[in-house]
C-alpha atoms as a PDB file:
ATOM      1  CA  UNK A   1      31.887 -11.015  19.571  1.00  0.00           C
ATOM      2  CA  UNK A   2      29.177 -11.947  16.996  1.00  0.00           C
ATOM      3  CA  UNK A   3      25.999  -9.696  16.318  1.00  0.00           C
ATOM      4  CA  UNK A   4      23.331 -12.483  16.120  1.00  0.00           C
ATOM      5  CA  UNK A   5      23.809 -16.376  16.129  1.00  0.00           C
ATOM      6  CA  UNK A   6      21.176 -19.046  15.109  1.00  0.00           C
ATOM      7  CA  UNK A   7      21.877 -22.302  15.786  1.00  0.00           C
ATOM      8  CA  UNK A   8      19.543 -25.028  14.560  1.00  0.00           C
ATOM      9  CA  UNK A   9      16.886 -22.955  14.829  1.00  0.00           C
ATOM     10  CA  UNK A  10      13.064 -24.102  13.961  1.00  0.00           C
ATOM     11  CA  UNK A  11       9.702 -22.274  14.557  1.00  0.00           C
ATOM     12  CA  UNK A  12       6.202 -22.723  14.325  1.00  0.00           C
ATOM     13  CA  UNK A  13       3.724 -19.766  14.747  1.00  0.00           C
ATOM     14  CA  UNK A  14       0.897 -20.091  17.118  1.00  0.00           C
ATOM     15  CA  UNK A  15      -1.983 -22.710  15.968  1.00  0.00           C
ATOM     16  CA  UNK A  16      -0.111 -23.727  12.673  1.00  0.00           C
ATOM     17  CA  UNK A  17       1.234 -27.157  12.144  1.00  0.00           C
ATOM     18  CA  UNK A  18       4.085 -26.245   9.321  1.00  0.00           C
ATOM     19  CA  UNK A  19       7.469 -24.727  10.296  1.00  0.00           C
ATOM     20  CA  UNK A  20       8.208 -20.907   9.166  1.00  0.00           C
ATOM     21  CA  UNK A  21      11.661 -21.242   9.827  1.00  0.00           C
ATOM     22  CA  UNK A  22      13.403 -24.770   9.731  1.00  0.00           C
ATOM     23  CA  UNK A  23      16.933 -26.064  10.783  1.00  0.00           C
ATOM     24  CA  UNK A  24      18.497 -22.460  10.257  1.00  0.00           C
ATOM     25  CA  UNK A  25      22.123 -21.993  11.162  1.00  0.00           C
ATOM     26  CA  UNK A  26      23.681 -18.422   9.941  1.00  0.00           C
ATOM     27  CA  UNK A  27      25.795 -15.970  12.051  1.00  0.00           C
ATOM     28  CA  UNK A  28      25.272 -12.110  11.184  1.00  0.00           C
ATOM     29  CA  UNK A  29      28.564 -10.427  12.238  1.00  0.00           C
ATOM     30  CA  UNK A  30      28.566  -7.133  13.422  1.00  0.00           C
ATOM     31  CA  UNK A  31      29.184  -4.192  10.969  1.00  0.00           C
ATOM     32  CA  UNK A  32      28.147  -6.048   8.039  1.00  0.00           C
ATOM     33  CA  UNK A  33      25.298  -5.269   5.445  1.00  0.00           C
ATOM     34  CA  UNK A  34      23.190  -8.557   4.819  1.00  0.00           C
ATOM     35  CA  UNK A  35      20.524  -8.827   2.275  1.00  0.00           C
ATOM     36  CA  UNK A  36      17.619 -11.358   2.234  1.00  0.00           C
ATOM     37  CA  UNK A  37      15.804 -12.487  -1.060  1.00  0.00           C
ATOM     38  CA  UNK A  38      13.511 -15.114  -2.028  1.00  0.00           C
ATOM     39  CA  UNK A  39      10.177 -16.061  -3.327  1.00  0.00           C
ATOM     40  CA  UNK A  40       7.136 -14.910  -1.456  1.00  0.00           C
ATOM     41  CA  UNK A  41       6.351 -16.640   1.679  1.00  0.00           C
ATOM     42  CA  UNK A  42       9.794 -18.245   2.017  1.00  0.00           C
ATOM     43  CA  UNK A  43      10.309 -17.051   5.522  1.00  0.00           C
ATOM     44  CA  UNK A  44      12.010 -13.951   5.025  1.00  0.00           C
ATOM     45  CA  UNK A  45       9.764 -11.643   7.271  1.00  0.00           C
ATOM     46  CA  UNK A  46       9.757 -14.893   9.943  1.00  0.00           C
ATOM     47  CA  UNK A  47      13.630 -14.569  10.005  1.00  0.00           C
ATOM     48  CA  UNK A  48      13.243 -10.575  10.566  1.00  0.00           C
ATOM     49  CA  UNK A  49      10.797 -11.410  13.562  1.00  0.00           C
ATOM     50  CA  UNK A  50      13.369 -13.776  15.093  1.00  0.00           C
ATOM     51  CA  UNK A  51      16.459 -11.866  14.837  1.00  0.00           C
ATOM     52  CA  UNK A  52      14.302  -8.949  16.475  1.00  0.00           C
ATOM     53  CA  UNK A  53      13.272 -10.991  19.520  1.00  0.00           C
ATOM     54  CA  UNK A  54       9.559 -10.657  18.191  1.00  0.00           C
ATOM     55  CA  UNK A  55      10.038 -14.123  18.437  1.00  0.00           C
ATOM     56  CA  UNK A  56       9.745 -15.360  21.117  1.00  0.00           C
ATOM     57  CA  UNK A  57       8.654 -12.329  23.057  1.00  0.00           C
ATOM     58  CA  UNK A  58       5.624 -11.307  20.847  1.00  0.00           C
ATOM     59  CA  UNK A  59       4.898 -14.340  18.759  1.00  0.00           C
ATOM     60  CA  UNK A  60       4.776 -17.412  21.413  1.00  0.00           C
ATOM     61  CA  UNK A  61       4.827 -20.515  18.948  1.00  0.00           C
ATOM     62  CA  UNK A  62       6.924 -23.300  18.939  1.00  0.00           C
ATOM     63  CA  UNK A  63      10.567 -22.223  19.012  1.00  0.00           C
ATOM     64  CA  UNK A  64      13.851 -24.859  19.381  1.00  0.00           C
ATOM     65  CA  UNK A  65      17.276 -24.144  18.927  1.00  0.00           C
ATOM     66  CA  UNK A  66      19.549 -21.275  19.984  1.00  0.00           C
ATOM     67  CA  UNK A  67      19.100 -17.479  19.178  1.00  0.00           C
ATOM     68  CA  UNK A  68      21.956 -15.810  20.426  1.00  0.00           C
ATOM     69  CA  UNK A  69      22.109 -11.827  20.249  1.00  0.00           C
ATOM     70  CA  UNK A  70      25.466 -10.699  21.851  1.00  0.00           C
ATOM     71  CA  UNK A  71      25.961 -13.933  23.203  1.00  0.00           C
ATOM     72  CA  UNK A  72      22.934 -14.381  25.133  1.00  0.00           C
ATOM     73  CA  UNK A  73      19.747 -16.087  24.300  1.00  0.00           C
ATOM     74  CA  UNK A  74      17.021 -14.067  23.198  1.00  0.00           C
ATOM     75  CA  UNK A  75      14.414 -15.937  25.500  1.00  0.00           C
ATOM     76  CA  UNK A  76      16.891 -14.315  28.430  1.00  0.00           C
ATOM     77  CA  UNK A  77      16.660 -10.679  27.121  1.00  0.00           C
ATOM     78  CA  UNK A  78      14.189  -8.162  28.448  1.00  0.00           C
ATOM     79  CA  UNK A  79      12.106  -7.066  25.629  1.00  0.00           C
ATOM     80  CA  UNK A  80      12.443  -3.392  26.109  1.00  0.00           C
ATOM     81  CA  UNK A  81      16.176  -3.470  26.544  1.00  0.00           C
ATOM     82  CA  UNK A  82      16.385  -5.433  23.109  1.00  0.00           C
ATOM     83  CA  UNK A  83      14.590  -2.847  21.381  1.00  0.00           C
ATOM     84  CA  UNK A  84      17.128  -0.427  22.433  1.00  0.00           C
ATOM     85  CA  UNK A  85      19.988  -2.808  20.686  1.00  0.00           C
ATOM     86  CA  UNK A  86      18.048  -3.461  17.390  1.00  0.00           C
ATOM     87  CA  UNK A  87      15.563  -1.188  15.389  1.00  0.00           C
ATOM     88  CA  UNK A  88      12.945  -2.937  13.078  1.00  0.00           C
ATOM     89  CA  UNK A  89      11.448  -1.092  10.101  1.00  0.00           C
ATOM     90  CA  UNK A  90       8.416  -3.161   9.170  1.00  0.00           C
ATOM     91  CA  UNK A  91       7.151  -3.961   5.775  1.00  0.00           C
ATOM     92  CA  UNK A  92       4.075  -2.084   5.941  1.00  0.00           C
ATOM     93  CA  UNK A  93       4.318   1.666   6.967  1.00  0.00           C
ATOM     94  CA  UNK A  94       0.783   1.956   8.115  1.00  0.00           C
ATOM     95  CA  UNK A  95       1.707  -0.422  10.984  1.00  0.00           C
ATOM     96  CA  UNK A  96       4.823   1.054  12.072  1.00  0.00           C
ATOM     97  CA  UNK A  97       3.155   5.028  12.969  1.00  0.00           C
ATOM     98  CA  UNK A  98       1.943   4.872  16.496  1.00  0.00           C
ATOM     99  CA  UNK A  99      -1.599   6.423  15.812  1.00  0.00           C
ATOM    100  CA  UNK A 100      -1.017   8.469  18.920  1.00  0.00           C
ATOM    101  CA  UNK A 101       0.623  11.700  18.003  1.00  0.00           C
ATOM    102  CA  UNK A 102      -0.485  14.851  15.858  1.00  0.00           C
ATOM    103  CA  UNK A 103       2.747  15.650  14.010  1.00  0.00           C
ATOM    104  CA  UNK A 104       5.587  13.924  12.497  1.00  0.00           C
ATOM    105  CA  UNK A 105       8.002  15.825  14.779  1.00  0.00           C
ATOM    106  CA  UNK A 106       6.213  14.435  17.765  1.00  0.00           C
ATOM    107  CA  UNK A 107       6.094  10.893  16.201  1.00  0.00           C
ATOM    108  CA  UNK A 108      10.025  10.898  15.614  1.00  0.00           C
ATOM    109  CA  UNK A 109      10.342  12.269  19.248  1.00  0.00           C
ATOM    110  CA  UNK A 110       7.981   9.289  20.629  1.00  0.00           C
ATOM    111  CA  UNK A 111      10.730   6.795  20.369  1.00  0.00           C
ATOM    112  CA  UNK A 112      13.494   8.944  21.569  1.00  0.00           C
ATOM    113  CA  UNK A 113      11.075   9.806  24.826  1.00  0.00           C
ATOM    114  CA  UNK A 114      10.753   6.237  25.481  1.00  0.00           C
ATOM    115  CA  UNK A 115      14.474   5.804  25.714  1.00  0.00           C
ATOM    116  CA  UNK A 116      14.800   8.663  28.062  1.00  0.00           C
ATOM    117  CA  UNK A 117      16.746  10.788  25.464  1.00  0.00           C
ATOM    118  CA  UNK A 118      17.888  14.103  27.222  1.00  0.00           C
ATOM    119  CA  UNK A 119      15.970  16.815  25.324  1.00  0.00           C
ATOM    120  CA  UNK A 120      19.140  18.673  23.444  1.00  0.00           C
ATOM    121  CA  UNK A 121      20.415  15.429  21.974  1.00  0.00           C
ATOM    122  CA  UNK A 122      16.778  14.446  20.995  1.00  0.00           C
ATOM    123  CA  UNK A 123      16.591  17.930  19.140  1.00  0.00           C
ATOM    124  CA  UNK A 124      19.850  17.169  17.836  1.00  0.00           C
ATOM    125  CA  UNK A 125      18.763  13.433  16.439  1.00  0.00           C
ATOM    126  CA  UNK A 126      15.511  14.731  14.902  1.00  0.00           C
ATOM    127  CA  UNK A 127      17.042  17.817  13.291  1.00  0.00           C
ATOM    128  CA  UNK A 128      19.804  15.166  11.762  1.00  0.00           C
ATOM    129  CA  UNK A 129      17.348  12.312  10.484  1.00  0.00           C
ATOM    130  CA  UNK A 130      14.946  15.185   9.167  1.00  0.00           C
ATOM    131  CA  UNK A 131      17.459  16.513   7.157  1.00  0.00           C
ATOM    132  CA  UNK A 132      18.867  12.801   5.941  1.00  0.00           C
ATOM    133  CA  UNK A 133      15.199  11.647   4.916  1.00  0.00           C
ATOM    134  CA  UNK A 134      14.166  15.008   3.268  1.00  0.00           C
ATOM    135  CA  UNK A 135      11.227  15.046   5.333  1.00  0.00           C
ATOM    136  CA  UNK A 136      11.565  18.831   6.339  1.00  0.00           C
ATOM    137  CA  UNK A 137       8.261  19.508   4.673  1.00  0.00           C
ATOM    138  CA  UNK A 138       6.290  16.783   6.714  1.00  0.00           C
ATOM    139  CA  UNK A 139       7.330  17.992  10.149  1.00  0.00           C
ATOM    140  CA  UNK A 140       4.385  19.808  10.969  1.00  0.00           C
ATOM    141  CA  UNK A 141       1.901  17.262   9.272  1.00  0.00           C
ATOM    142  CA  UNK A 142      -0.461  14.435  10.917  1.00  0.00           C
ATOM    143  CA  UNK A 143       1.629  11.315  10.221  1.00  0.00           C
ATOM    144  CA  UNK A 144      -1.985   9.341  10.118  1.00  0.00           C
ATOM    145  CA  UNK A 145      -2.556  11.695   6.866  1.00  0.00           C
ATOM    146  CA  UNK A 146       0.589  10.831   4.771  1.00  0.00           C
ATOM    147  CA  UNK A 147       0.877   8.508   1.917  1.00  0.00           C
ATOM    148  CA  UNK A 148       2.168   5.252   1.800  1.00  0.00           C
ATOM    149  CA  UNK A 149       5.908   6.523   0.926  1.00  0.00           C
ATOM    150  CA  UNK A 150       5.772   9.508   3.229  1.00  0.00           C
ATOM    151  CA  UNK A 151       4.969   7.444   6.289  1.00  0.00           C
ATOM    152  CA  UNK A 152       7.411   4.791   5.219  1.00  0.00           C
ATOM    153  CA  UNK A 153       9.908   7.779   5.341  1.00  0.00           C
ATOM    154  CA  UNK A 154       8.796   8.694   8.632  1.00  0.00           C
ATOM    155  CA  UNK A 155       9.186   5.246   9.874  1.00  0.00           C
ATOM    156  CA  UNK A 156      12.775   5.245   8.556  1.00  0.00           C
ATOM    157  CA  UNK A 157      13.697   8.467  10.189  1.00  0.00           C
ATOM    158  CA  UNK A 158      11.828   7.196  13.782  1.00  0.00           C
ATOM    159  CA  UNK A 159      14.029   4.243  13.937  1.00  0.00           C
ATOM    160  CA  UNK A 160      17.498   5.888  12.486  1.00  0.00           C
ATOM    161  CA  UNK A 161      16.916   8.599  15.219  1.00  0.00           C
ATOM    162  CA  UNK A 162      17.061   5.629  18.029  1.00  0.00           C
ATOM    163  CA  UNK A 163      20.516   4.924  16.699  1.00  0.00           C
ATOM    164  CA  UNK A 164      20.360   1.329  17.170  1.00  0.00           C
ATOM    165  CA  UNK A 165      23.308  -0.941  16.890  1.00  0.00           C
ATOM    166  CA  UNK A 166      21.625  -3.673  14.496  1.00  0.00           C
ATOM    167  CA  UNK A 167      18.807  -2.349  12.027  1.00  0.00           C
ATOM    168  CA  UNK A 168      16.205  -5.085  10.689  1.00  0.00           C
ATOM    169  CA  UNK A 169      14.519  -3.812   7.815  1.00  0.00           C
ATOM    170  CA  UNK A 170      11.648  -5.193   5.784  1.00  0.00           C
ATOM    171  CA  UNK A 171      11.172  -3.764   2.218  1.00  0.00           C
ATOM    172  CA  UNK A 172      11.520  -0.679   3.097  1.00  0.00           C
ATOM    173  CA  UNK A 173      11.217   0.795  -0.615  1.00  0.00           C
ATOM    174  CA  UNK A 174       8.192  -1.160  -1.502  1.00  0.00           C
ATOM    175  CA  UNK A 175       6.111   2.201  -1.597  1.00  0.00           C
ATOM    176  CA  UNK A 176       9.102   4.557  -3.015  1.00  0.00           C
ATOM    177  CA  UNK A 177       9.837   5.921  -6.203  1.00  0.00           C
ATOM    178  CA  UNK A 178      13.013   4.946  -8.013  1.00  0.00           C
ATOM    179  CA  UNK A 179      14.876   8.311  -6.518  1.00  0.00           C
ATOM    180  CA  UNK A 180      13.462   7.967  -3.164  1.00  0.00           C
ATOM    181  CA  UNK A 181      14.884   4.148  -3.353  1.00  0.00           C
ATOM    182  CA  UNK A 182      18.140   5.314  -4.469  1.00  0.00           C
ATOM    183  CA  UNK A 183      18.366   7.862  -1.690  1.00  0.00           C
ATOM    184  CA  UNK A 184      17.320   5.052   0.926  1.00  0.00           C
ATOM    185  CA  UNK A 185      19.825   2.497  -0.016  1.00  0.00           C
ATOM    186  CA  UNK A 186      22.397   5.202   0.144  1.00  0.00           C
ATOM    187  CA  UNK A 187      21.685   6.046   3.704  1.00  0.00           C
ATOM    188  CA  UNK A 188      21.434   2.105   4.645  1.00  0.00           C
ATOM    189  CA  UNK A 189      24.841   2.198   3.186  1.00  0.00           C
ATOM    190  CA  UNK A 190      25.898   4.980   5.064  1.00  0.00           C
ATOM    191  CA  UNK A 191      24.915   3.555   8.665  1.00  0.00           C
ATOM    192  CA  UNK A 192      26.846   0.401   7.330  1.00  0.00           C
ATOM    193  CA  UNK A 193      29.841   2.530   7.027  1.00  0.00           C
ATOM    194  CA  UNK A 194      29.078   3.778  10.880  1.00  0.00           C
ATOM    195  CA  UNK A 195      29.395   0.420  11.672  1.00  0.00           C
ATOM    196  CA  UNK A 196      25.860  -0.809  12.376  1.00  0.00           C
ATOM    197  CA  UNK A 197      24.621  -4.127  11.295  1.00  0.00           C
ATOM    198  CA  UNK A 198      21.950  -4.058   8.569  1.00  0.00           C
ATOM    199  CA  UNK A 199      20.054  -7.196   7.813  1.00  0.00           C
ATOM    200  CA  UNK A 200      17.525  -6.082   5.055  1.00  0.00           C
ATOM    201  CA  UNK A 201      14.654  -7.674   2.989  1.00  0.00           C
ATOM    202  CA  UNK A 202      14.471  -6.420  -0.422  1.00  0.00           C
ATOM    203  CA  UNK A 203      12.832  -7.842  -3.728  1.00  0.00           C
ATOM    204  CA  UNK A 204      14.708  -4.855  -5.502  1.00  0.00           C
ATOM    205  CA  UNK A 205      17.601  -7.331  -6.260  1.00  0.00           C
ATOM    206  CA  UNK A 206      19.955  -5.218  -8.380  1.00  0.00           C
ATOM    207  CA  UNK A 207      20.511  -3.048  -5.280  1.00  0.00           C
ATOM    208  CA  UNK A 208      21.003  -6.126  -2.980  1.00  0.00           C
ATOM    209  CA  UNK A 209      23.826  -6.856  -5.466  1.00  0.00           C
ATOM    210  CA  UNK A 210      25.051  -3.717  -5.817  1.00  0.00           C
ATOM    211  CA  UNK A 211      25.181  -2.852  -1.773  1.00  0.00           C
ATOM    212  CA  UNK A 212      25.294  -5.995   0.063  1.00  0.00           C
ATOM    213  CA  UNK A 213      28.152  -7.707   1.841  1.00  0.00           C
ATOM    214  CA  UNK A 214      26.373 -10.930   1.973  1.00  0.00           C
ATOM    215  CA  UNK A 215      23.192 -12.324   0.622  1.00  0.00           C
ATOM    216  CA  UNK A 216      20.984 -14.834   2.281  1.00  0.00           C
ATOM    217  CA  UNK A 217      18.268 -16.969  -0.082  1.00  0.00           C
ATOM    218  CA  UNK A 218      15.135 -18.403   1.782  1.00  0.00           C
ATOM    219  CA  UNK A 219      12.539 -20.594   0.358  1.00  0.00           C
ATOM    220  CA  UNK A 220      10.245 -22.781   2.278  1.00  0.00           C
ATOM    221  CA  UNK A 221      11.827 -21.587   5.345  1.00  0.00           C
ATOM    222  CA  UNK A 222      15.038 -22.534   5.013  1.00  0.00           C
ATOM    223  CA  UNK A 223      18.160 -20.567   3.870  1.00  0.00           C
ATOM    224  CA  UNK A 224      19.175 -22.568   0.758  1.00  0.00           C
ATOM    225  CA  UNK A 225      22.306 -20.465  -0.175  1.00  0.00           C
ATOM    226  CA  UNK A 226      24.511 -17.725   1.262  1.00  0.00           C
ATOM    227  CA  UNK A 227      27.241 -15.757   0.240  1.00  0.00           C
ATOM    228  CA  UNK A 228      28.613 -12.651  -1.059  1.00  0.00           C
ATOM    229  CA  UNK A 229      26.416 -11.139  -4.360  1.00  0.00           C
ATOM    230  CA  UNK A 230      29.246 -12.952  -6.748  1.00  0.00           C
ATOM    231  CA  UNK A 231      28.764 -16.059  -5.363  1.00  0.00           C
ATOM    232  CA  UNK A 232      24.913 -16.287  -4.742  1.00  0.00           C
ATOM    233  CA  UNK A 233      24.014 -14.546  -8.154  1.00  0.00           C
ATOM    234  CA  UNK A 234      26.346 -17.322  -9.778  1.00  0.00           C
ATOM    235  CA  UNK A 235      24.517 -20.096  -8.759  1.00  0.00           C
ATOM    236  CA  UNK A 236      22.277 -20.928 -11.660  1.00  0.00           C
ATOM    237  CA  UNK A 237      20.446 -23.670  -9.302  1.00  0.00           C
ATOM    238  CA  UNK A 238      18.535 -20.684  -7.997  1.00  0.00           C
ATOM    239  CA  UNK A 239      16.660 -19.955 -11.401  1.00  0.00           C
ATOM    240  CA  UNK A 240      14.691 -23.144 -10.772  1.00  0.00           C
ATOM    241  CA  UNK A 241      13.793 -21.913  -7.156  1.00  0.00           C
ATOM    242  CA  UNK A 242      12.200 -18.631  -8.758  1.00  0.00           C
ATOM    243  CA  UNK A 243      14.599 -16.568  -6.985  1.00  0.00           C
ATOM    244  CA  UNK A 244      14.891 -13.342  -8.671  1.00  0.00           C
ATOM    245  CA  UNK A 245      18.380 -12.122  -9.829  1.00  0.00           C
ATOM    246  CA  UNK A 246      19.746  -9.048 -11.077  1.00  0.00           C
ATOM    247  CA  UNK A 247      19.400  -8.348 -14.926  1.00  0.00           C
ATOM    248  CA  UNK A 248      23.041  -8.152 -15.705  1.00  0.00           C
ATOM    249  CA  UNK A 249      23.439 -11.483 -13.648  1.00  0.00           C
ATOM    250  CA  UNK A 250      20.705 -13.165 -15.982  1.00  0.00           C
ATOM    251  CA  UNK A 251      22.764 -11.725 -18.863  1.00  0.00           C
ATOM    252  CA  UNK A 252      25.587 -13.408 -17.473  1.00  0.00           C
ATOM    253  CA  UNK A 253      23.798 -16.772 -17.492  1.00  0.00           C
ATOM    254  CA  UNK A 254      22.137 -16.338 -20.826  1.00  0.00           C
ATOM    255  CA  UNK A 255      25.928 -15.517 -22.253  1.00  0.00           C
ATOM    256  CA  UNK A 256      27.284 -18.889 -20.508  1.00  0.00           C
ATOM    257  CA  UNK A 257      24.787 -20.927 -22.872  1.00  0.00           C
ATOM    258  CA  UNK A 258      26.364 -19.412 -25.893  1.00  0.00           C
ATOM    259  CA  UNK A 259      30.082 -19.743 -27.424  1.00  0.00           C
ATOM    260  CA  UNK A 260      31.447 -16.435 -25.894  1.00  0.00           C
ATOM    261  CA  UNK A 261      30.537 -17.226 -22.165  1.00  0.00           C
ATOM    262  CA  UNK A 262      31.475 -14.174 -19.390  1.00  0.00           C
ATOM    263  CA  UNK A 263      34.434 -14.830 -17.646  1.00  0.00           C
ATOM    264  CA  UNK A 264      32.232 -14.658 -14.444  1.00  0.00           C
ATOM    265  CA  UNK A 265      28.611 -13.895 -13.652  1.00  0.00           C
ATOM    266  CA  UNK A 266      28.143 -10.115 -13.755  1.00  0.00           C
ATOM    267  CA  UNK A 267      26.471  -8.433 -10.708  1.00  0.00           C
ATOM    268  CA  UNK A 268      26.664  -4.472 -11.459  1.00  0.00           C
ATOM    269  CA  UNK A 269      26.354  -2.950 -15.184  1.00  0.00           C
ATOM    270  CA  UNK A 270      29.872  -1.873 -15.235  1.00  0.00           C
ATOM    271  CA  UNK A 271      31.043  -5.310 -15.090  1.00  0.00           C
ATOM    272  CA  UNK A 272      28.118  -6.378 -17.742  1.00  0.00           C
ATOM    273  CA  UNK A 273      29.699  -3.500 -20.098  1.00  0.00           C
ATOM    274  CA  UNK A 274      33.070  -4.772 -19.699  1.00  0.00           C
ATOM    275  CA  UNK A 275      32.471  -8.348 -20.487  1.00  0.00           C
ATOM    276  CA  UNK A 276      30.450  -7.369 -23.392  1.00  0.00           C
ATOM    277  CA  UNK A 277      33.110  -5.268 -24.671  1.00  0.00           C
ATOM    278  CA  UNK A 278      35.560  -7.934 -24.178  1.00  0.00           C
ATOM    279  CA  UNK A 279      33.330 -10.515 -26.134  1.00  0.00           C
ATOM    280  CA  UNK A 280      32.956  -7.921 -28.733  1.00  0.00           C
ATOM    281  CA  UNK A 281      36.815  -7.094 -28.740  1.00  0.00           C
ATOM    282  CA  UNK A 282      37.203 -10.953 -29.562  1.00  0.00           C
ATOM    283  CA  UNK A 283      34.208 -11.265 -32.612  1.00  0.00           C
ATOM    284  CA  UNK A 284      36.205  -7.859 -33.894  1.00  0.00           C
ATOM    285  CA  UNK A 285      39.668  -9.517 -33.646  1.00  0.00           C
ATOM    286  CA  UNK A 286      38.257 -12.524 -35.217  1.00  0.00           C
ATOM    287  CA  UNK A 287      37.096 -10.389 -38.207  1.00  0.00           C
END
C-alpha cells in the first residue's frame, strides 16, 4: 500500500486569495527518502503541512482534491492518531520545544507519555536517541535555555523516539555546523534503511543529491520537476528557475558547454572526479 497519495490537490490558507499549493499530483511510496527543494516561498513548507495533516486539521483554509494517507482521506483521520503515524520536525526548533518541561530528558519523554508508552520501553527509547543524537551532556539542562543547534537536536530526538512510520522534516540542519549536519543526514539515512519514509525539505542540495531516492522541485506552489537526483539535477531548465544545484552538477552543466562535455551530469564528487580524469586523459592522449 502506498504511503501518501496526492491527487489534484490545491490549497489556500485562510484569509488569502492565492494558492499556496496548486494541482499537486504525487505519490510518496513507503520506505523511500524524498528530498524537496526549490526557491523560497515555493510551497515546500505548505507541502509538509499537507502530508503531515496540519492541512486541514490545523490550518483550515480551502483544500480541494484528495490527500490519502495509507489509503484513507486525511479529512477522515483523527489528528491524534495521525500524529502516531507521521512525525514532523519543524523548520524553527524554538517552536518545536514544548516550553513546559524543565529538562531535556522530560522533553523527550513528553511525546512518549502522550502515546501511552510503557515506562521501561520509554527509558530504552530515550537512551537510544540520546546516544544517537549525541546529546548526553544536555539531558539535565532546561530545553528553554539551549542554543538553536542544541534545540534542533533535541527536537530531532523527541520525534525519532516516537518511532513514526513517516517522518516529515523541514530544514533540520538550518542551525547546525557541518559536522552535526553530516551526523543528522547519516541518522536520516539509517532511519530510511529501517523502512521509514522520509520527506525532507533542505537547502543543502549536495546532501539531497547524495542521500535522496527521489527529488521534488517546488516553485510557485507547484511540483515543477521530480525524479531521481540524477534526473532532476540534469535538467538545465531548472537553472532558469533559480533552483539551487549541487556544485558538481553545475560543473557538469558548465562542461557541457565546452568541447569535451561530461558523459552525464555529475551529482557526487566521485562522479565529477571520474569525468574530469576522463577528460584529462582525452586531452593527454591527443597531445
